[in-house]
Amino acid sequence: MATNLEQLYQQIILDHARERHGSGLLEKTGPGSVGESHQLNPVCGDEITLRTVVDGGTVASLSWDGAGCAISMASASVLTDLMEGLERDEAVRLIDAFREVMRSRGTIPADEEVLGDAAAFSGVSRYPARVKCAMLAWVALEESLLAANS
């Protein structure tokens, strides 16, 4: 039986899978450099294209388009909420923190103070086949940040 916290986490994932924050690729309208990344999970078919605008070292905007399971789509939605307005270096630190939790196979608890709603994916880390689903948007962001700086 799921604990109250697990039920809350499941609800966060389901809510974000339905109401996909940041979904729909936006064209760049202001200053800054654009980075874009397309990622595909060939195992299950999840796919995402993520576009980031970095202005003065800050993630000015983030948008994405994708198709896939509830975990991958919810993860992209949560990522959008977390990253917009952050300094690039802070965004990279959050990506690293999320990756560490996802690779832990459930041994490292997610810090809600650091990861916010992304902590809801901590249970996914116990299922290696699903980790790639949760990581897809985060890998796309990492790549798009590199592209925006080049």
N, C-alpha and C. Protein backbone atom coordinates (compact mmCIF):
# COMPACT_ATOMS: atom_id res chain seq x y z
N MET A 1 0.83 -1.19 0.00
CA MET A 1 0.00 0.00 0.00
C MET A 1 0.88 1.25 0.00
N ALA A 2 0.52 2.21 -0.81
CA ALA A 2 1.31 3.43 -0.95
C ALA A 2 1.14 4.33 0.27
N THR A 3 2.24 4.95 0.68
CA THR A 3 2.19 5.90 1.78
C THR A 3 1.54 7.19 1.29
N ASN A 4 1.20 8.07 2.22
CA ASN A 4 0.63 9.36 1.85
C ASN A 4 1.57 10.15 0.95
N LEU A 5 2.88 10.10 1.26
CA LEU A 5 3.85 10.81 0.44
C LEU A 5 3.91 10.22 -0.97
N GLU A 6 3.92 8.90 -1.07
CA GLU A 6 3.94 8.26 -2.39
C GLU A 6 2.69 8.62 -3.19
N GLN A 7 1.53 8.67 -2.50
CA GLN A 7 0.29 9.05 -3.18
C GLN A 7 0.36 10.49 -3.67
N LEU A 8 0.92 11.38 -2.85
CA LEU A 8 1.09 12.77 -3.25
C LEU A 8 2.00 12.86 -4.47
N TYR A 9 3.11 12.13 -4.43
CA TYR A 9 4.04 12.13 -5.55
C TYR A 9 3.37 11.62 -6.82
N GLN A 10 2.59 10.55 -6.70
CA GLN A 10 1.88 10.02 -7.87
C GLN A 10 0.92 11.06 -8.43
N GLN A 11 0.25 11.80 -7.54
CA GLN A 11 -0.69 12.83 -7.98
C GLN A 11 0.02 13.97 -8.69
N ILE A 12 1.19 14.37 -8.19
CA ILE A 12 1.97 15.42 -8.85
C ILE A 12 2.33 14.99 -10.27
N ILE A 13 2.77 13.75 -10.42
CA ILE A 13 3.15 13.24 -11.75
C ILE A 13 1.93 13.22 -12.67
N LEU A 14 0.81 12.72 -12.18
CA LEU A 14 -0.40 12.67 -13.01
C LEU A 14 -0.89 14.07 -13.39
N ASP A 15 -0.84 15.00 -12.44
CA ASP A 15 -1.27 16.39 -12.73
C ASP A 15 -0.39 17.01 -13.81
N HIS A 16 0.92 16.83 -13.70
CA HIS A 16 1.83 17.41 -14.70
C HIS A 16 1.72 16.69 -16.05
N ALA A 17 1.38 15.42 -16.04
CA ALA A 17 1.21 14.69 -17.31
C ALA A 17 -0.02 15.22 -18.06
N ARG A 18 -1.04 15.64 -17.30
CA ARG A 18 -2.26 16.19 -17.92
C ARG A 18 -2.08 17.66 -18.32
N GLU A 19 -1.56 18.45 -17.40
CA GLU A 19 -1.37 19.89 -17.62
C GLU A 19 0.11 20.13 -17.86
N ARG A 20 0.53 20.02 -19.08
CA ARG A 20 1.96 20.03 -19.43
C ARG A 20 2.50 21.46 -19.51
N HIS A 21 3.10 21.91 -18.42
CA HIS A 21 3.67 23.25 -18.37
C HIS A 21 4.84 23.35 -19.36
N GLY A 22 4.86 24.42 -20.14
CA GLY A 22 5.94 24.64 -21.10
C GLY A 22 5.77 23.90 -22.41
N SER A 23 4.71 23.13 -22.55
CA SER A 23 4.51 22.35 -23.77
C SER A 23 4.15 23.27 -24.93
N GLY A 24 4.76 23.03 -26.06
CA GLY A 24 4.58 23.85 -27.26
C GLY A 24 5.83 24.68 -27.47
N LEU A 25 6.60 24.37 -28.49
CA LEU A 25 7.86 25.08 -28.73
C LEU A 25 7.60 26.54 -29.06
N LEU A 26 8.28 27.42 -28.34
CA LEU A 26 8.15 28.85 -28.57
C LEU A 26 9.30 29.35 -29.44
N GLU A 27 8.99 30.32 -30.29
CA GLU A 27 10.03 30.97 -31.07
C GLU A 27 10.71 32.02 -30.18
N LYS A 28 11.98 32.24 -30.41
CA LYS A 28 12.71 33.26 -29.66
C LYS A 28 12.21 34.63 -30.08
N THR A 29 11.86 35.46 -29.10
CA THR A 29 11.32 36.79 -29.41
C THR A 29 12.19 37.91 -28.87
N GLY A 30 13.05 37.65 -27.93
CA GLY A 30 13.86 38.71 -27.32
C GLY A 30 15.34 38.39 -27.42
N PRO A 31 16.11 39.04 -26.55
CA PRO A 31 17.56 38.80 -26.56
C PRO A 31 17.91 37.42 -26.03
N GLY A 32 19.15 37.05 -26.22
CA GLY A 32 19.64 35.78 -25.71
C GLY A 32 19.98 34.81 -26.81
N SER A 33 20.60 33.72 -26.43
CA SER A 33 20.97 32.69 -27.40
C SER A 33 20.09 31.47 -27.18
N VAL A 34 19.81 30.78 -28.29
CA VAL A 34 18.90 29.64 -28.26
C VAL A 34 19.69 28.34 -28.36
N GLY A 35 19.30 27.39 -27.56
CA GLY A 35 19.81 26.03 -27.66
C GLY A 35 18.63 25.09 -27.79
N GLU A 36 18.80 24.06 -28.59
CA GLU A 36 17.71 23.12 -28.79
C GLU A 36 18.28 21.71 -28.80
N SER A 37 17.50 20.78 -28.27
CA SER A 37 17.93 19.38 -28.25
C SER A 37 16.72 18.49 -28.50
N HIS A 38 16.95 17.48 -29.30
CA HIS A 38 15.92 16.45 -29.55
C HIS A 38 16.44 15.16 -28.94
N GLN A 39 15.63 14.55 -28.09
CA GLN A 39 16.01 13.30 -27.44
C GLN A 39 14.94 12.25 -27.69
N LEU A 40 15.39 11.02 -27.85
CA LEU A 40 14.49 9.89 -28.11
C LEU A 40 14.90 8.74 -27.21
N ASN A 41 13.93 8.11 -26.60
CA ASN A 41 14.17 6.89 -25.85
C ASN A 41 13.72 5.73 -26.75
N PRO A 42 14.67 5.07 -27.42
CA PRO A 42 14.29 4.03 -28.37
C PRO A 42 13.63 2.81 -27.71
N VAL A 43 13.83 2.63 -26.42
CA VAL A 43 13.26 1.48 -25.73
C VAL A 43 11.73 1.58 -25.69
N CYS A 44 11.22 2.78 -25.40
CA CYS A 44 9.77 2.91 -25.25
C CYS A 44 9.14 3.90 -26.23
N GLY A 45 9.97 4.65 -26.95
CA GLY A 45 9.43 5.57 -27.94
C GLY A 45 9.18 6.98 -27.44
N ASP A 46 9.48 7.27 -26.17
CA ASP A 46 9.34 8.65 -25.67
C ASP A 46 10.25 9.55 -26.49
N GLU A 47 9.75 10.75 -26.77
CA GLU A 47 10.49 11.68 -27.61
C GLU A 47 10.22 13.10 -27.14
N ILE A 48 11.27 13.93 -27.15
CA ILE A 48 11.10 15.33 -26.75
C ILE A 48 12.06 16.22 -27.53
N THR A 49 11.57 17.39 -27.90
CA THR A 49 12.42 18.46 -28.41
C THR A 49 12.27 19.60 -27.43
N LEU A 50 13.39 20.08 -26.91
CA LEU A 50 13.38 21.11 -25.89
C LEU A 50 14.18 22.30 -26.39
N ARG A 51 13.62 23.49 -26.24
CA ARG A 51 14.28 24.73 -26.68
C ARG A 51 14.47 25.64 -25.47
N THR A 52 15.70 26.12 -25.31
CA THR A 52 16.06 26.98 -24.19
C THR A 52 16.62 28.29 -24.72
N VAL A 53 16.20 29.40 -24.13
CA VAL A 53 16.80 30.70 -24.42
C VAL A 53 17.56 31.11 -23.17
N VAL A 54 18.85 31.36 -23.33
CA VAL A 54 19.71 31.81 -22.24
C VAL A 54 20.09 33.25 -22.52
N ASP A 55 19.82 34.11 -21.55
CA ASP A 55 20.12 35.54 -21.69
C ASP A 55 20.91 35.99 -20.47
N GLY A 56 22.15 36.43 -20.69
CA GLY A 56 22.98 36.90 -19.59
C GLY A 56 23.25 35.83 -18.55
N GLY A 57 23.34 34.59 -18.97
CA GLY A 57 23.62 33.50 -18.04
C GLY A 57 22.39 32.96 -17.32
N THR A 58 21.21 33.46 -17.68
CA THR A 58 19.95 33.04 -17.04
C THR A 58 19.08 32.29 -18.04
N VAL A 59 18.41 31.25 -17.57
CA VAL A 59 17.45 30.53 -18.41
C VAL A 59 16.23 31.45 -18.54
N ALA A 60 16.17 32.17 -19.67
CA ALA A 60 15.11 33.16 -19.88
C ALA A 60 13.79 32.48 -20.24
N SER A 61 13.85 31.43 -21.04
CA SER A 61 12.64 30.68 -21.36
C SER A 61 13.00 29.26 -21.73
N LEU A 62 12.01 28.41 -21.54
CA LEU A 62 12.18 27.00 -21.82
C LEU A 62 10.84 26.50 -22.35
N SER A 63 10.87 25.83 -23.49
CA SER A 63 9.64 25.26 -24.05
C SER A 63 9.99 23.91 -24.67
N TRP A 64 8.97 23.10 -24.86
CA TRP A 64 9.23 21.76 -25.37
C TRP A 64 8.01 21.21 -26.08
N ASP A 65 8.27 20.19 -26.87
CA ASP A 65 7.21 19.46 -27.53
C ASP A 65 7.61 18.00 -27.45
N GLY A 66 6.67 17.14 -27.16
CA GLY A 66 7.03 15.74 -27.05
C GLY A 66 5.83 14.83 -26.97
N ALA A 67 6.13 13.57 -27.00
CA ALA A 67 5.12 12.53 -26.88
C ALA A 67 5.76 11.38 -26.11
N GLY A 68 4.97 10.78 -25.24
CA GLY A 68 5.49 9.65 -24.49
C GLY A 68 4.64 9.35 -23.29
N CYS A 69 5.21 8.58 -22.40
CA CYS A 69 4.50 8.14 -21.21
C CYS A 69 4.29 9.29 -20.24
N ALA A 70 3.44 9.05 -19.25
CA ALA A 70 3.13 10.08 -18.25
C ALA A 70 4.39 10.53 -17.51
N ILE A 71 5.30 9.62 -17.24
CA ILE A 71 6.52 9.98 -16.51
C ILE A 71 7.37 10.96 -17.32
N SER A 72 7.60 10.68 -18.59
CA SER A 72 8.46 11.56 -19.38
C SER A 72 7.82 12.92 -19.62
N MET A 73 6.52 12.95 -19.85
CA MET A 73 5.84 14.22 -20.10
C MET A 73 5.72 15.05 -18.81
N ALA A 74 5.43 14.39 -17.70
CA ALA A 74 5.36 15.08 -16.42
C ALA A 74 6.73 15.62 -16.02
N SER A 75 7.77 14.86 -16.28
CA SER A 75 9.11 15.30 -15.94
C SER A 75 9.48 16.57 -16.72
N ALA A 76 9.12 16.63 -17.99
CA ALA A 76 9.38 17.83 -18.79
C ALA A 76 8.60 19.03 -18.25
N SER A 77 7.38 18.79 -17.80
CA SER A 77 6.55 19.85 -17.25
C SER A 77 7.13 20.39 -15.95
N VAL A 78 7.52 19.50 -15.06
CA VAL A 78 8.13 19.89 -13.79
C VAL A 78 9.43 20.64 -14.04
N LEU A 79 10.22 20.14 -14.96
CA LEU A 79 11.49 20.77 -15.32
C LEU A 79 11.28 22.22 -15.75
N THR A 80 10.26 22.46 -16.55
CA THR A 80 9.96 23.82 -17.01
C THR A 80 9.71 24.74 -15.83
N ASP A 81 8.89 24.29 -14.89
CA ASP A 81 8.57 25.11 -13.72
C ASP A 81 9.81 25.41 -12.88
N LEU A 82 10.70 24.43 -12.76
CA LEU A 82 11.89 24.59 -11.92
C LEU A 82 12.95 25.49 -12.53
N MET A 83 13.12 25.42 -13.83
CA MET A 83 14.31 26.01 -14.45
C MET A 83 14.19 27.45 -14.93
N GLU A 84 13.01 27.87 -15.35
CA GLU A 84 12.90 29.22 -15.89
C GLU A 84 13.28 30.24 -14.84
N GLY A 85 14.17 31.17 -15.23
CA GLY A 85 14.62 32.22 -14.35
C GLY A 85 15.87 31.89 -13.55
N LEU A 86 16.31 30.64 -13.61
CA LEU A 86 17.52 30.25 -12.87
C LEU A 86 18.78 30.65 -13.63
N GLU A 87 19.84 30.90 -12.89
CA GLU A 87 21.15 31.06 -13.50
C GLU A 87 21.54 29.72 -14.12
N ARG A 88 22.25 29.77 -15.23
CA ARG A 88 22.66 28.55 -15.94
C ARG A 88 23.36 27.57 -15.01
N ASP A 89 24.29 28.06 -14.17
CA ASP A 89 25.04 27.17 -13.28
C ASP A 89 24.12 26.48 -12.27
N GLU A 90 23.10 27.19 -11.78
CA GLU A 90 22.15 26.60 -10.84
C GLU A 90 21.31 25.54 -11.55
N ALA A 91 20.94 25.79 -12.80
CA ALA A 91 20.19 24.80 -13.58
C ALA A 91 21.01 23.52 -13.74
N VAL A 92 22.29 23.67 -14.03
CA VAL A 92 23.17 22.51 -14.18
C VAL A 92 23.28 21.74 -12.86
N ARG A 93 23.35 22.46 -11.74
CA ARG A 93 23.40 21.80 -10.43
C ARG A 93 22.12 21.00 -10.16
N LEU A 94 20.96 21.55 -10.55
CA LEU A 94 19.71 20.82 -10.37
C LEU A 94 19.66 19.58 -11.26
N ILE A 95 20.14 19.70 -12.49
CA ILE A 95 20.20 18.53 -13.38
C ILE A 95 21.05 17.45 -12.73
N ASP A 96 22.21 17.83 -12.20
CA ASP A 96 23.10 16.86 -11.55
C ASP A 96 22.45 16.23 -10.32
N ALA A 97 21.73 17.03 -9.53
CA ALA A 97 21.06 16.51 -8.33
C ALA A 97 19.96 15.51 -8.72
N PHE A 98 19.20 15.85 -9.76
CA PHE A 98 18.14 14.96 -10.23
C PHE A 98 18.74 13.66 -10.77
N ARG A 99 19.81 13.78 -11.55
CA ARG A 99 20.48 12.59 -12.10
C ARG A 99 20.98 11.69 -10.97
N GLU A 100 21.55 12.27 -9.92
CA GLU A 100 22.06 11.47 -8.81
C GLU A 100 20.93 10.68 -8.15
N VAL A 101 19.78 11.29 -7.93
CA VAL A 101 18.64 10.59 -7.35
C VAL A 101 18.17 9.49 -8.30
N MET A 102 18.07 9.80 -9.59
CA MET A 102 17.57 8.83 -10.56
C MET A 102 18.49 7.62 -10.69
N ARG A 103 19.78 7.81 -10.55
CA ARG A 103 20.74 6.71 -10.67
C ARG A 103 20.88 5.90 -9.39
N SER A 104 20.27 6.35 -8.31
CA SER A 104 20.50 5.74 -7.00
C SER A 104 19.74 4.44 -6.77
N ARG A 105 18.81 4.12 -7.65
CA ARG A 105 17.95 2.93 -7.48
C ARG A 105 17.21 2.97 -6.14
N GLY A 106 16.83 4.18 -5.74
CA GLY A 106 16.04 4.33 -4.53
C GLY A 106 16.85 4.51 -3.26
N THR A 107 18.16 4.55 -3.35
CA THR A 107 18.99 4.65 -2.14
C THR A 107 19.24 6.09 -1.70
N ILE A 108 19.07 7.05 -2.59
CA ILE A 108 19.26 8.46 -2.24
C ILE A 108 17.90 9.16 -2.29
N PRO A 109 17.45 9.65 -1.16
CA PRO A 109 16.15 10.34 -1.16
C PRO A 109 16.28 11.70 -1.84
N ALA A 110 15.23 12.10 -2.53
CA ALA A 110 15.21 13.40 -3.18
C ALA A 110 14.97 14.48 -2.13
N ASP A 111 15.71 15.56 -2.22
CA ASP A 111 15.55 16.68 -1.31
C ASP A 111 14.54 17.65 -1.92
N GLU A 112 13.34 17.71 -1.34
CA GLU A 112 12.29 18.59 -1.86
C GLU A 112 12.69 20.05 -1.82
N GLU A 113 13.55 20.42 -0.87
CA GLU A 113 14.01 21.80 -0.78
C GLU A 113 14.83 22.17 -2.01
N VAL A 114 15.53 21.21 -2.57
CA VAL A 114 16.37 21.44 -3.74
C VAL A 114 15.59 21.20 -5.02
N LEU A 115 14.90 20.07 -5.11
CA LEU A 115 14.28 19.63 -6.36
C LEU A 115 12.80 19.99 -6.50
N GLY A 116 12.17 20.51 -5.47
CA GLY A 116 10.76 20.88 -5.57
C GLY A 116 9.93 19.69 -6.02
N ASP A 117 9.02 19.94 -6.97
CA ASP A 117 8.14 18.87 -7.46
C ASP A 117 8.90 17.73 -8.15
N ALA A 118 10.13 17.96 -8.58
CA ALA A 118 10.91 16.88 -9.20
C ALA A 118 11.20 15.77 -8.21
N ALA A 119 11.10 16.06 -6.91
CA ALA A 119 11.27 15.02 -5.90
C ALA A 119 10.22 13.92 -6.06
N ALA A 120 9.11 14.24 -6.71
CA ALA A 120 8.05 13.26 -6.93
C ALA A 120 8.53 12.07 -7.76
N PHE A 121 9.60 12.24 -8.50
CA PHE A 121 10.11 11.17 -9.36
C PHE A 121 11.08 10.24 -8.63
N SER A 122 11.33 10.48 -7.35
CA SER A 122 12.31 9.67 -6.62
C SER A 122 11.93 8.19 -6.63
N GLY A 123 10.65 7.86 -6.58
CA GLY A 123 10.23 6.46 -6.63
C GLY A 123 10.55 5.79 -7.96
N VAL A 124 10.63 6.58 -9.02
CA VAL A 124 10.96 6.06 -10.34
C VAL A 124 12.36 5.45 -10.35
N SER A 125 13.24 5.98 -9.49
CA SER A 125 14.64 5.52 -9.48
C SER A 125 14.76 4.03 -9.14
N ARG A 126 13.73 3.46 -8.54
CA ARG A 126 13.75 2.02 -8.22
C ARG A 126 13.46 1.15 -9.44
N TYR A 127 13.10 1.77 -10.54
CA TYR A 127 12.74 1.02 -11.77
C TYR A 127 13.64 1.48 -12.91
N PRO A 128 14.77 0.81 -13.10
CA PRO A 128 15.76 1.25 -14.10
C PRO A 128 15.18 1.50 -15.49
N ALA A 129 14.19 0.74 -15.89
CA ALA A 129 13.60 0.93 -17.22
C ALA A 129 12.86 2.26 -17.32
N ARG A 130 12.44 2.82 -16.20
CA ARG A 130 11.67 4.08 -16.20
C ARG A 130 12.56 5.30 -15.96
N VAL A 131 13.78 5.09 -15.47
CA VAL A 131 14.68 6.21 -15.20
C VAL A 131 14.93 7.02 -16.47
N LYS A 132 15.12 6.33 -17.58
CA LYS A 132 15.37 7.04 -18.84
C LYS A 132 14.18 7.92 -19.22
N CYS A 133 12.97 7.46 -18.92
CA CYS A 133 11.77 8.26 -19.18
C CYS A 133 11.83 9.57 -18.39
N ALA A 134 12.15 9.47 -17.10
CA ALA A 134 12.20 10.64 -16.24
C ALA A 134 13.35 11.57 -16.63
N MET A 135 14.45 11.00 -17.11
CA MET A 135 15.65 11.79 -17.43
C MET A 135 15.62 12.46 -18.80
N LEU A 136 14.73 12.04 -19.68
CA LEU A 136 14.76 12.48 -21.08
C LEU A 136 14.80 14.00 -21.22
N ALA A 137 13.89 14.71 -20.58
CA ALA A 137 13.84 16.17 -20.68
C ALA A 137 15.06 16.82 -20.03
N TRP A 138 15.56 16.21 -18.96
CA TRP A 138 16.71 16.76 -18.24
C TRP A 138 17.97 16.66 -19.10
N VAL A 139 18.12 15.57 -19.82
CA VAL A 139 19.24 15.41 -20.75
C VAL A 139 19.10 16.42 -21.90
N ALA A 140 17.87 16.60 -22.37
CA ALA A 140 17.63 17.59 -23.44
C ALA A 140 17.98 18.99 -22.96
N LEU A 141 17.64 19.33 -21.72
CA LEU A 141 17.99 20.65 -21.20
C LEU A 141 19.49 20.80 -21.10
N GLU A 142 20.15 19.79 -20.58
CA GLU A 142 21.61 19.83 -20.46
C GLU A 142 22.26 20.11 -21.81
N GLU A 143 21.80 19.40 -22.84
CA GLU A 143 22.34 19.57 -24.18
C GLU A 143 21.99 20.94 -24.76
N SER A 144 20.78 21.40 -24.52
CA SER A 144 20.36 22.70 -25.07
C SER A 144 21.09 23.85 -24.40
N LEU A 145 21.43 23.72 -23.12
CA LEU A 145 22.22 24.74 -22.45
C LEU A 145 23.62 24.83 -23.05
N LEU A 146 24.21 23.69 -23.37
CA LEU A 146 25.51 23.68 -24.04
C LEU A 146 25.42 24.34 -25.40
N ALA A 147 24.37 24.02 -26.15
CA ALA A 147 24.18 24.59 -27.49
C ALA A 147 23.96 26.10 -27.43
N ALA A 148 23.27 26.58 -26.40
CA ALA A 148 22.99 28.00 -26.27
C ALA A 148 24.24 28.80 -25.96
N ASN A 149 25.23 28.14 -25.38
CA ASN A 149 26.48 28.82 -25.03
C ASN A 149 27.53 28.77 -26.12
N SER A 150 27.29 27.98 -27.16
CA SER A 150 28.31 27.88 -28.20
C SER A 150 28.12 28.86 -29.31
